[in-house]
Amino acid sequence: MRELYWVYVYAIELWKMILIMRGILGVEPVQKRQAAVFQIPAVLGVIVCYRLGLPVNRVIILFIIVSAWIYFKKFFLPIFTWLGISIMDFLIGLFIIFFAQMDFQTAYASNYFADIEEVFSFILVLTVITIRKRFQVKKIQYTYSDVALGAMVLIGVIACIGPFLSEGFQNWTSFGKRLEILLGFLLMLIGISTIIFRICKVRQKQEQFEQQMLWNERLLNEQKKYYELLLQKEEMTKKIRHDMKSQLGCLGRFLEKEEYGQAKEYLGELIGGIQRLNILVSTGNDVVDIVVNDIVQGEKMHLNWKGKIPSKLNMTNAEICILFSNLLKNAAEAVRDVEDKTVNVTIKIQGHHLLLEESNQTIKPVIIEEGRLQTTKHDKEKHGIGSRNVREIVEKYNGSVSYHCEAQRFQVNIILLDAI
């Protein structure tokens, strides 16, 4: 009957591994039939090993890993999963020993304790699977390094607390136990430090992705406005072209009657309508045109633009949009409360480098600390983001940005290296 107990242990551990890999890790089986057929020689192997006095625990571990490899066609993942199951069972055992106030060695020498441990382990696995299905969690994205790091930390924890639990707090002063505790501590330190580093790296990538999504959304909105302006221009062109013949005829009749005053007034109206077709500022770059003309039409400002931007830049459209949008929107906000609403923008090209200079009058306080523009608004978390975005874009292209404010005149100079 004793050999049947080891068969039971093999079956329980194998089922826990299958449940974890399918129900928690989301790994689907590949070879179901071959795995089922393999269970017969595996069970016979466990029985034979027990009768021959071989180390049954090691044989069971080997058969579990081989069974999982046949079932899932994966090698390292079943090993890591089995290691995680072992650590989980050990921690559950420690939990039972602590609350039941049992002796460590006596507990692990009892088969009943092992059965209770297995019951709690099964309940925990089924609970996690139920929660995963309840909240419709999709397949967990993991790598072998993630599993290895988790196993490293848990092994370190066990190595640190194992000597205290097995030998008490008085008999763990031997060199071997001290070395075990030291190695466990180092494993924990390395594992936790690596996990924290990876979490920070993932968070950084997530923030960059979210920022890129915001940029793309803003760029799409700017493009939509730009095309709306083009449609308005096209409608006005069609209207003037349609009415041009009758308008010229009306102007000719004013001249025939020598009503020069009315002719001059009517001609002024015609010229004004034609000028409205040319309100778009031409910068040389389509994306910059989108941003500039949208802001100019939406704000009460006079833009004095000098220079041309190449149509092709070594920057993404989102970066171009964010850069010029922040510069001009900050300038438009600054000139709202001043008499001189002129915003001067000068573009210069030196080889592959692009130089931008923007200046405007302002009466609002400007704080520049260590070359960085600081927001003066109360909610600093929600404001000041624009200047940070500009600096990040400039630094990405190994450029520089500087701010100056003197005699209520604000100026920003940007150098973008190898932007062309």
Protein backbone atom coordinates (compact mmCIF):
# COMPACT_ATOMS: atom_id res chain seq x y z
CA MET A 1 0.00 0.00 0.00
CA ARG A 2 2.93 2.29 0.59
CA GLU A 3 3.82 2.36 -3.11
CA LEU A 4 0.26 3.54 -3.86
CA TYR A 5 0.91 6.53 -1.64
CA TRP A 6 3.82 7.56 -3.86
CA VAL A 7 1.64 7.12 -6.93
CA TYR A 8 -0.89 9.41 -5.25
CA VAL A 9 1.86 11.98 -4.61
CA TYR A 10 2.95 11.81 -8.26
CA ALA A 11 -0.63 12.28 -9.49
CA ILE A 12 -1.34 15.20 -7.13
CA GLU A 13 1.85 17.07 -8.06
CA LEU A 14 1.31 16.47 -11.77
CA TRP A 15 -2.27 17.74 -11.62
CA LYS A 16 -1.19 20.85 -9.74
CA MET A 17 1.40 21.55 -12.42
CA ILE A 18 -1.16 21.10 -15.21
CA LEU A 19 -3.69 23.32 -13.43
CA ILE A 20 -1.14 26.08 -12.90
CA MET A 21 0.20 25.97 -16.45
CA ARG A 22 -3.25 25.86 -18.08
CA GLY A 23 -5.42 27.76 -15.62
CA ILE A 24 -2.96 30.46 -14.46
CA LEU A 25 -0.18 30.75 -17.05
CA GLY A 26 -2.55 30.12 -19.95
CA VAL A 27 -0.37 27.50 -21.67
CA GLU A 28 -2.46 25.20 -23.84
CA PRO A 29 -1.53 21.50 -24.19
CA VAL A 30 -0.06 20.18 -27.41
CA GLN A 31 0.06 16.39 -26.97
CA LYS A 32 -2.81 15.18 -24.78
CA ARG A 33 -2.90 11.56 -25.96
CA GLN A 34 0.84 10.97 -25.67
CA ALA A 35 0.81 12.40 -22.16
CA ALA A 36 -2.06 10.09 -21.15
CA VAL A 37 -0.25 7.06 -22.54
CA PHE A 38 2.93 8.02 -20.71
CA GLN A 39 1.16 7.91 -17.34
CA ILE A 40 1.14 4.09 -17.33
CA PRO A 41 4.96 3.66 -17.49
CA ALA A 42 5.34 6.65 -15.17
CA VAL A 43 3.16 5.02 -12.49
CA LEU A 44 4.95 1.69 -12.94
CA GLY A 45 8.28 3.49 -12.68
CA VAL A 46 7.30 5.08 -9.36
CA ILE A 47 6.22 1.68 -7.98
CA VAL A 48 9.42 -0.05 -9.15
CA CYS A 49 11.63 2.66 -7.70
CA TYR A 50 9.91 2.34 -4.33
CA ARG A 51 10.32 -1.45 -4.28
CA LEU A 52 14.01 -1.18 -5.26
CA GLY A 53 14.63 1.38 -2.54
CA LEU A 54 15.58 4.19 -4.96
CA PRO A 55 15.03 7.85 -4.03
CA VAL A 56 11.34 8.07 -4.98
CA ASN A 57 11.07 11.86 -4.57
CA ARG A 58 13.67 12.49 -7.27
CA VAL A 59 12.08 9.93 -9.57
CA ILE A 60 8.67 11.57 -9.10
CA ILE A 61 10.14 14.97 -9.95
CA LEU A 62 11.72 13.52 -13.09
CA PHE A 63 8.47 11.89 -14.23
CA ILE A 64 6.49 15.09 -13.52
CA ILE A 65 8.84 17.18 -15.67
CA VAL A 66 8.86 14.58 -18.48
CA SER A 67 5.05 14.32 -18.36
CA ALA A 68 4.70 18.11 -18.56
CA TRP A 69 7.17 18.25 -21.44
CA ILE A 70 5.13 15.66 -23.40
CA TYR A 71 1.87 17.43 -22.52
CA PHE A 72 2.95 21.04 -23.30
CA LYS A 73 6.09 20.55 -25.44
CA LYS A 74 8.00 22.91 -23.16
CA PHE A 75 11.06 22.11 -21.08
CA PHE A 76 12.18 25.01 -18.89
CA LEU A 77 8.69 26.27 -18.01
CA PRO A 78 7.65 22.97 -16.30
CA ILE A 79 10.88 23.08 -14.28
CA PHE A 80 10.20 26.63 -13.11
CA THR A 81 6.57 25.72 -12.44
CA TRP A 82 7.54 22.71 -10.34
CA LEU A 83 10.02 24.88 -8.45
CA GLY A 84 7.25 27.41 -7.79
CA ILE A 85 4.91 24.62 -6.59
CA SER A 86 7.59 23.36 -4.21
CA ILE A 87 8.15 26.82 -2.78
CA MET A 88 4.39 27.39 -2.49
CA ASP A 89 3.93 24.08 -0.65
CA PHE A 90 6.83 24.91 1.66
CA LEU A 91 5.38 28.32 2.54
CA ILE A 92 1.94 26.80 3.11
CA GLY A 93 3.57 24.25 5.42
CA LEU A 94 5.30 27.02 7.35
CA PHE A 95 1.97 28.80 7.67
CA ILE A 96 0.31 25.65 9.09
CA ILE A 97 3.23 24.97 11.46
CA PHE A 98 3.18 28.54 12.75
CA PHE A 99 -0.55 28.70 13.49
CA ALA A 100 -0.80 25.11 14.76
CA GLN A 101 2.35 25.61 16.90
CA MET A 102 3.84 22.35 15.63
CA ASP A 103 7.45 21.21 15.62
CA PHE A 104 9.09 21.65 12.21
CA GLN A 105 10.78 18.25 11.95
CA THR A 106 7.87 16.34 13.47
CA ALA A 107 5.42 17.95 11.07
CA TYR A 108 7.37 17.11 7.93
CA ALA A 109 7.90 13.51 9.12
CA SER A 110 4.11 13.00 9.14
CA ASN A 111 2.17 11.92 6.07
CA TYR A 112 -1.00 13.49 7.48
CA PHE A 113 0.72 16.87 7.56
CA ALA A 114 1.71 16.43 3.91
CA ASP A 115 -1.91 15.59 3.01
CA ILE A 116 -3.18 18.71 4.77
CA GLU A 117 -0.53 20.75 2.99
CA GLU A 118 -1.64 19.36 -0.36
CA VAL A 119 -5.30 20.22 0.37
CA PHE A 120 -4.44 23.84 1.17
CA SER A 121 -2.19 23.99 -1.90
CA PHE A 122 -4.98 22.72 -4.16
CA ILE A 123 -7.46 25.19 -2.67
CA LEU A 124 -5.03 28.07 -3.29
CA VAL A 125 -4.45 27.04 -6.93
CA LEU A 126 -8.17 26.65 -7.62
CA THR A 127 -8.89 30.01 -5.97
CA VAL A 128 -6.38 31.79 -8.21
CA ILE A 129 -7.81 30.07 -11.30
CA THR A 130 -11.35 31.07 -10.29
CA ILE A 131 -10.32 34.69 -9.79
CA ARG A 132 -8.56 34.69 -13.15
CA LYS A 133 -11.70 33.42 -14.92
CA ARG A 134 -14.00 35.67 -12.90
CA PHE A 135 -12.21 38.83 -14.00
CA GLN A 136 -11.57 37.45 -17.49
CA VAL A 137 -7.82 37.88 -17.27
CA LYS A 138 -6.23 37.15 -20.62
CA LYS A 139 -3.11 35.10 -21.11
CA ILE A 140 -0.43 36.25 -18.70
CA GLN A 141 2.54 37.80 -20.45
CA TYR A 142 5.68 36.44 -18.87
CA THR A 143 9.21 35.40 -19.71
CA TYR A 144 11.45 32.74 -18.29
CA SER A 145 13.48 35.47 -16.61
CA ASP A 146 10.32 36.64 -14.77
CA VAL A 147 9.74 33.15 -13.42
CA ALA A 148 13.42 32.76 -12.58
CA LEU A 149 13.48 36.04 -10.65
CA GLY A 150 10.41 35.07 -8.65
CA ALA A 151 11.92 31.68 -7.87
CA MET A 152 15.19 33.35 -6.86
CA VAL A 153 13.45 35.60 -4.35
CA LEU A 154 11.40 32.74 -2.86
CA ILE A 155 14.45 30.48 -2.59
CA GLY A 156 16.26 33.30 -0.85
CA VAL A 157 13.40 33.69 1.62
CA ILE A 158 13.38 29.96 2.36
CA ALA A 159 17.17 29.88 2.75
CA CYS A 160 16.99 32.75 5.25
CA ILE A 161 14.16 31.47 7.43
CA GLY A 162 14.77 27.73 7.02
CA PRO A 163 17.57 27.41 9.64
CA PHE A 164 15.51 29.27 12.24
CA LEU A 165 12.47 27.08 11.71
CA SER A 166 14.27 23.74 11.52
CA GLU A 167 16.78 24.24 14.34
CA GLY A 168 15.28 27.02 16.41
CA PHE A 169 16.82 30.35 17.30
CA GLN A 170 19.58 28.86 19.45
CA ASN A 171 21.22 26.21 17.25
CA TRP A 172 21.84 27.91 13.93
CA THR A 173 25.29 29.35 14.65
CA SER A 174 27.24 26.78 12.58
CA PHE A 175 29.24 27.97 9.60
CA GLY A 176 27.04 26.02 7.18
CA LYS A 177 23.82 27.60 8.44
CA ARG A 178 25.35 31.08 8.42
CA LEU A 179 26.51 30.52 4.85
CA GLU A 180 22.99 29.36 3.91
CA ILE A 181 21.46 32.48 5.42
CA LEU A 182 24.03 34.71 3.68
CA LEU A 183 23.42 33.11 0.30
CA GLY A 184 19.66 33.37 0.82
CA PHE A 185 19.98 37.06 1.64
CA LEU A 186 22.10 37.66 -1.47
CA LEU A 187 19.56 35.85 -3.65
CA MET A 188 16.75 37.95 -2.20
CA LEU A 189 18.74 41.16 -2.67
CA ILE A 190 19.66 40.40 -6.28
CA GLY A 191 16.16 39.18 -7.17
CA ILE A 192 14.29 42.08 -5.56
CA SER A 193 16.70 44.67 -6.99
CA THR A 194 16.31 43.22 -10.49
CA ILE A 195 12.52 43.12 -10.17
CA ILE A 196 12.41 46.77 -9.04
CA PHE A 197 14.68 47.77 -11.91
CA ARG A 198 12.49 45.96 -14.43
CA ILE A 199 9.31 47.47 -12.99
CA CYS A 200 10.82 50.96 -13.31
CA LYS A 201 11.89 50.20 -16.88
CA VAL A 202 8.42 48.93 -17.81
CA ARG A 203 6.83 51.98 -16.19
CA GLN A 204 9.13 54.26 -18.16
CA LYS A 205 8.20 52.54 -21.42
CA GLN A 206 4.52 52.78 -20.50
CA GLU A 207 4.82 56.53 -19.86
CA GLN A 208 6.62 56.99 -23.19
CA PHE A 209 3.89 55.02 -24.95
CA GLU A 210 1.14 57.06 -23.30
CA GLN A 211 2.95 60.28 -24.23
CA GLN A 212 3.32 59.10 -27.83
CA MET A 213 -0.41 58.30 -27.95
CA LEU A 214 -1.21 61.82 -26.72
CA TRP A 215 1.07 63.28 -29.37
CA ASN A 216 -0.52 61.20 -32.12
CA GLU A 217 -4.01 62.18 -30.97
CA ARG A 218 -3.07 65.86 -30.96
CA LEU A 219 -1.48 65.53 -34.39
CA LEU A 220 -4.66 63.93 -35.78
CA ASN A 221 -6.74 66.77 -34.34
CA GLU A 222 -4.42 69.36 -35.88
CA GLN A 223 -4.59 67.60 -39.25
CA LYS A 224 -8.37 67.55 -39.07
CA LYS A 225 -8.43 71.31 -38.48
CA TYR A 226 -5.97 71.85 -41.30
CA TYR A 227 -8.13 69.95 -43.77
CA GLU A 228 -11.16 71.90 -42.59
CA LEU A 229 -9.27 75.11 -43.41
CA LEU A 230 -8.42 73.75 -46.84
CA LEU A 231 -12.07 72.86 -47.45
CA GLN A 232 -13.15 76.37 -46.42
CA LYS A 233 -10.55 77.84 -48.76
CA GLU A 234 -11.75 75.63 -51.61
CA GLU A 235 -15.39 76.62 -51.03
CA MET A 236 -14.47 80.31 -51.03
CA THR A 237 -12.45 79.82 -54.24
CA LYS A 238 -15.41 78.16 -55.97
CA LYS A 239 -17.74 80.91 -54.79
CA ILE A 240 -15.50 83.73 -56.02
CA ARG A 241 -14.81 81.96 -59.34
CA HIS A 242 -18.56 81.47 -59.84
CA ASP A 243 -19.35 85.10 -59.09
CA MET A 244 -16.29 86.62 -60.77
CA LYS A 245 -17.97 87.30 -64.13
CA SER A 246 -20.94 89.13 -62.65
CA GLN A 247 -18.70 90.98 -60.18
CA LEU A 248 -16.41 92.25 -62.93
CA GLY A 249 -19.47 93.24 -64.95
CA CYS A 250 -20.83 95.21 -61.99
CA LEU A 251 -17.45 96.91 -61.52
CA GLY A 252 -17.42 97.82 -65.25
CA ARG A 253 -20.85 99.48 -65.01
CA PHE A 254 -19.65 101.62 -62.07
CA LEU A 255 -16.72 102.77 -64.19
CA GLU A 256 -18.95 103.46 -67.25
CA LYS A 257 -21.14 105.70 -65.10
CA GLU A 258 -18.01 107.32 -63.69
CA GLU A 259 -19.10 106.35 -60.17
CA TYR A 260 -15.51 105.97 -59.09
CA GLY A 261 -16.23 106.04 -55.34
CA GLN A 262 -18.58 103.10 -55.50
CA ALA A 263 -16.20 101.31 -57.89
CA LYS A 264 -13.30 101.76 -55.43
CA GLU A 265 -15.41 100.50 -52.53
CA TYR A 266 -16.61 97.51 -54.52
CA LEU A 267 -13.07 96.73 -55.66
CA GLY A 268 -11.94 96.80 -52.04
CA GLU A 269 -14.56 94.22 -51.15
CA LEU A 270 -13.36 91.97 -53.97
CA ILE A 271 -9.72 92.26 -52.91
CA GLY A 272 -10.68 91.49 -49.30
CA GLY A 273 -12.43 88.31 -50.37
CA ILE A 274 -9.41 87.22 -52.39
CA GLN A 275 -7.06 87.98 -49.51
CA ARG A 276 -9.07 85.72 -47.24
CA LEU A 277 -7.99 82.86 -49.49
CA ASN A 278 -4.35 83.50 -48.57
CA ILE A 279 -4.61 83.51 -44.78
CA LEU A 280 -2.50 80.36 -44.49
CA VAL A 281 1.07 80.93 -43.38
CA SER A 282 3.49 79.00 -45.56
CA THR A 283 6.38 77.60 -43.52
CA GLY A 284 7.71 75.11 -46.04
CA ASN A 285 6.66 72.08 -43.98
CA ASP A 286 3.14 70.62 -44.17
CA VAL A 287 2.99 69.55 -40.52
CA VAL A 288 4.19 72.94 -39.29
CA ASP A 289 1.63 74.59 -41.59
CA ILE A 290 -1.09 72.63 -39.84
CA VAL A 291 -0.01 73.76 -36.39
CA VAL A 292 0.80 77.37 -37.26
CA ASN A 293 -2.35 78.16 -39.20
CA ASP A 294 -4.62 76.54 -36.65
CA ILE A 295 -3.12 78.61 -33.82
CA VAL A 296 -3.03 81.85 -35.87
CA GLN A 297 -6.71 81.54 -36.75
CA GLY A 298 -7.73 80.62 -33.22
CA GLU A 299 -5.77 83.32 -31.40
CA LYS A 300 -5.69 87.12 -31.57
CA MET A 301 -2.04 87.40 -32.52
CA HIS A 302 0.07 88.64 -35.39
CA LEU A 303 2.66 86.11 -36.52
CA ASN A 304 5.82 87.45 -38.09
CA TRP A 305 7.36 84.35 -39.63
CA LYS A 306 10.78 84.49 -41.25
CA GLY A 307 12.55 81.59 -42.92
CA LYS A 308 11.55 78.25 -44.35
CA ILE A 309 11.52 74.80 -42.76
CA PRO A 310 12.56 71.87 -44.98
CA SER A 311 9.68 69.65 -46.03
CA LYS A 312 11.55 66.58 -44.75
CA LEU A 313 13.00 66.47 -41.24
CA ASN A 314 14.62 63.69 -39.23
CA MET A 315 11.81 64.04 -36.70
CA THR A 316 8.46 62.31 -36.40
CA ASN A 317 5.33 64.25 -37.29
CA ALA A 318 4.19 64.01 -33.67
CA GLU A 319 7.44 65.57 -32.43
CA ILE A 320 7.21 68.40 -34.97
CA CYS A 321 3.60 69.02 -33.98
CA ILE A 322 4.33 69.08 -30.24
CA LEU A 323 7.40 71.29 -30.61
CA PHE A 324 5.80 74.10 -32.62
CA SER A 325 2.42 73.75 -30.94
CA ASN A 326 3.87 74.36 -27.49
CA LEU A 327 6.04 77.26 -28.65
CA LEU A 328 3.24 79.12 -30.41
CA LYS A 329 0.50 78.37 -27.87
CA ASN A 330 2.68 79.66 -25.05
CA ALA A 331 3.43 82.76 -27.11
CA ALA A 332 -0.26 83.28 -27.97
CA GLU A 333 -1.16 83.02 -24.29
CA ALA A 334 1.53 85.54 -23.36
CA VAL A 335 0.36 88.25 -25.85
CA ARG A 336 -3.31 88.08 -24.89
CA ASP A 337 -2.90 90.71 -22.18
CA VAL A 338 -0.41 93.00 -23.96
CA GLU A 339 -0.82 95.70 -26.56
CA ASP A 340 1.82 94.37 -28.94
CA LYS A 341 0.43 91.03 -30.09
CA THR A 342 3.26 90.30 -32.50
CA VAL A 343 4.96 86.94 -32.22
CA ASN A 344 8.27 86.73 -34.07
CA VAL A 345 9.56 83.39 -35.32
CA THR A 346 12.87 83.10 -37.18
CA ILE A 347 14.07 79.91 -38.82
CA LYS A 348 17.71 79.41 -39.80
CA ILE A 349 19.47 76.44 -41.37
CA GLN A 350 23.14 75.71 -40.83
CA GLY A 351 24.17 72.55 -42.63
CA HIS A 352 22.11 69.73 -41.11
CA HIS A 353 21.19 71.82 -38.06
CA LEU A 354 17.91 73.68 -37.56
CA LEU A 355 17.84 76.89 -35.48
CA LEU A 356 14.57 78.31 -34.12
CA GLU A 357 14.08 81.63 -32.42
CA GLU A 358 10.76 82.83 -30.99
CA SER A 359 10.14 86.09 -29.15
CA ASN A 360 7.13 87.96 -27.86
CA GLN A 361 6.14 90.62 -25.38
CA THR A 362 4.83 89.52 -21.97
CA ILE A 363 3.71 91.08 -18.73
CA LYS A 364 3.36 87.78 -16.89
CA PRO A 365 6.19 86.71 -14.56
CA VAL A 366 8.69 84.31 -16.10
CA ILE A 367 10.73 82.03 -13.84
CA ILE A 368 13.89 80.50 -15.30
CA GLU A 369 15.86 78.21 -13.00
CA GLU A 370 19.09 76.57 -14.16
CA GLY A 371 18.14 77.19 -17.77
CA ARG A 372 14.73 75.56 -17.37
CA LEU A 373 11.38 77.31 -17.70
CA GLN A 374 9.25 76.92 -14.56
CA THR A 375 5.48 77.27 -14.52
CA THR A 376 3.95 80.03 -12.39
CA LYS A 377 0.53 78.37 -12.20
CA HIS A 378 -0.71 76.84 -8.95
CA ASP A 379 -1.38 73.35 -10.30
CA LYS A 380 2.20 72.49 -11.21
CA GLU A 381 1.41 68.84 -11.93
CA LYS A 382 -0.96 69.69 -14.78
CA HIS A 383 1.03 72.66 -16.11
CA GLY A 384 4.59 72.98 -17.26
CA ILE A 385 4.22 69.75 -19.23
CA GLY A 386 4.61 71.58 -22.55
CA SER A 387 8.06 72.96 -21.76
CA ARG A 388 9.16 69.52 -20.52
CA ASN A 389 7.97 67.94 -23.76
CA VAL A 390 9.91 70.53 -25.77
CA ARG A 391 13.07 69.85 -23.76
CA GLU A 392 12.69 66.08 -24.19
CA ILE A 393 12.35 66.44 -27.97
CA VAL A 394 15.35 68.79 -28.18
CA GLU A 395 17.50 66.51 -26.01
CA LYS A 396 16.51 63.51 -28.11
CA TYR A 397 18.21 65.16 -31.09
CA ASN A 398 21.23 66.27 -29.03
CA GLY A 399 20.15 69.88 -29.25
CA SER A 400 19.74 72.68 -26.74
CA VAL A 401 17.02 75.09 -25.62
CA SER A 402 17.54 78.37 -23.78
CA TYR A 403 15.15 80.96 -22.39
CA HIS A 404 15.67 84.69 -21.83
CA CYS A 405 13.40 87.37 -20.45
CA GLU A 406 14.43 91.02 -20.24
CA ALA A 407 12.41 94.24 -20.24
CA GLN A 408 9.16 92.29 -20.60
CA ARG A 409 10.50 90.60 -23.72
CA PHE A 410 10.56 86.81 -23.69
CA GLN A 411 12.74 84.83 -26.07
CA VAL A 412 13.43 81.14 -26.62
CA ASN A 413 16.24 79.74 -28.75
CA ILE A 414 16.28 76.12 -29.91
CA ILE A 415 19.02 74.29 -31.73
CA LEU A 416 18.26 70.89 -33.26
CA LEU A 417 21.39 69.05 -34.39
CA ASP A 418 21.18 66.79 -37.44
CA ALA A 419 17.45 67.50 -37.77
CA ILE A 420 17.73 67.87 -41.56
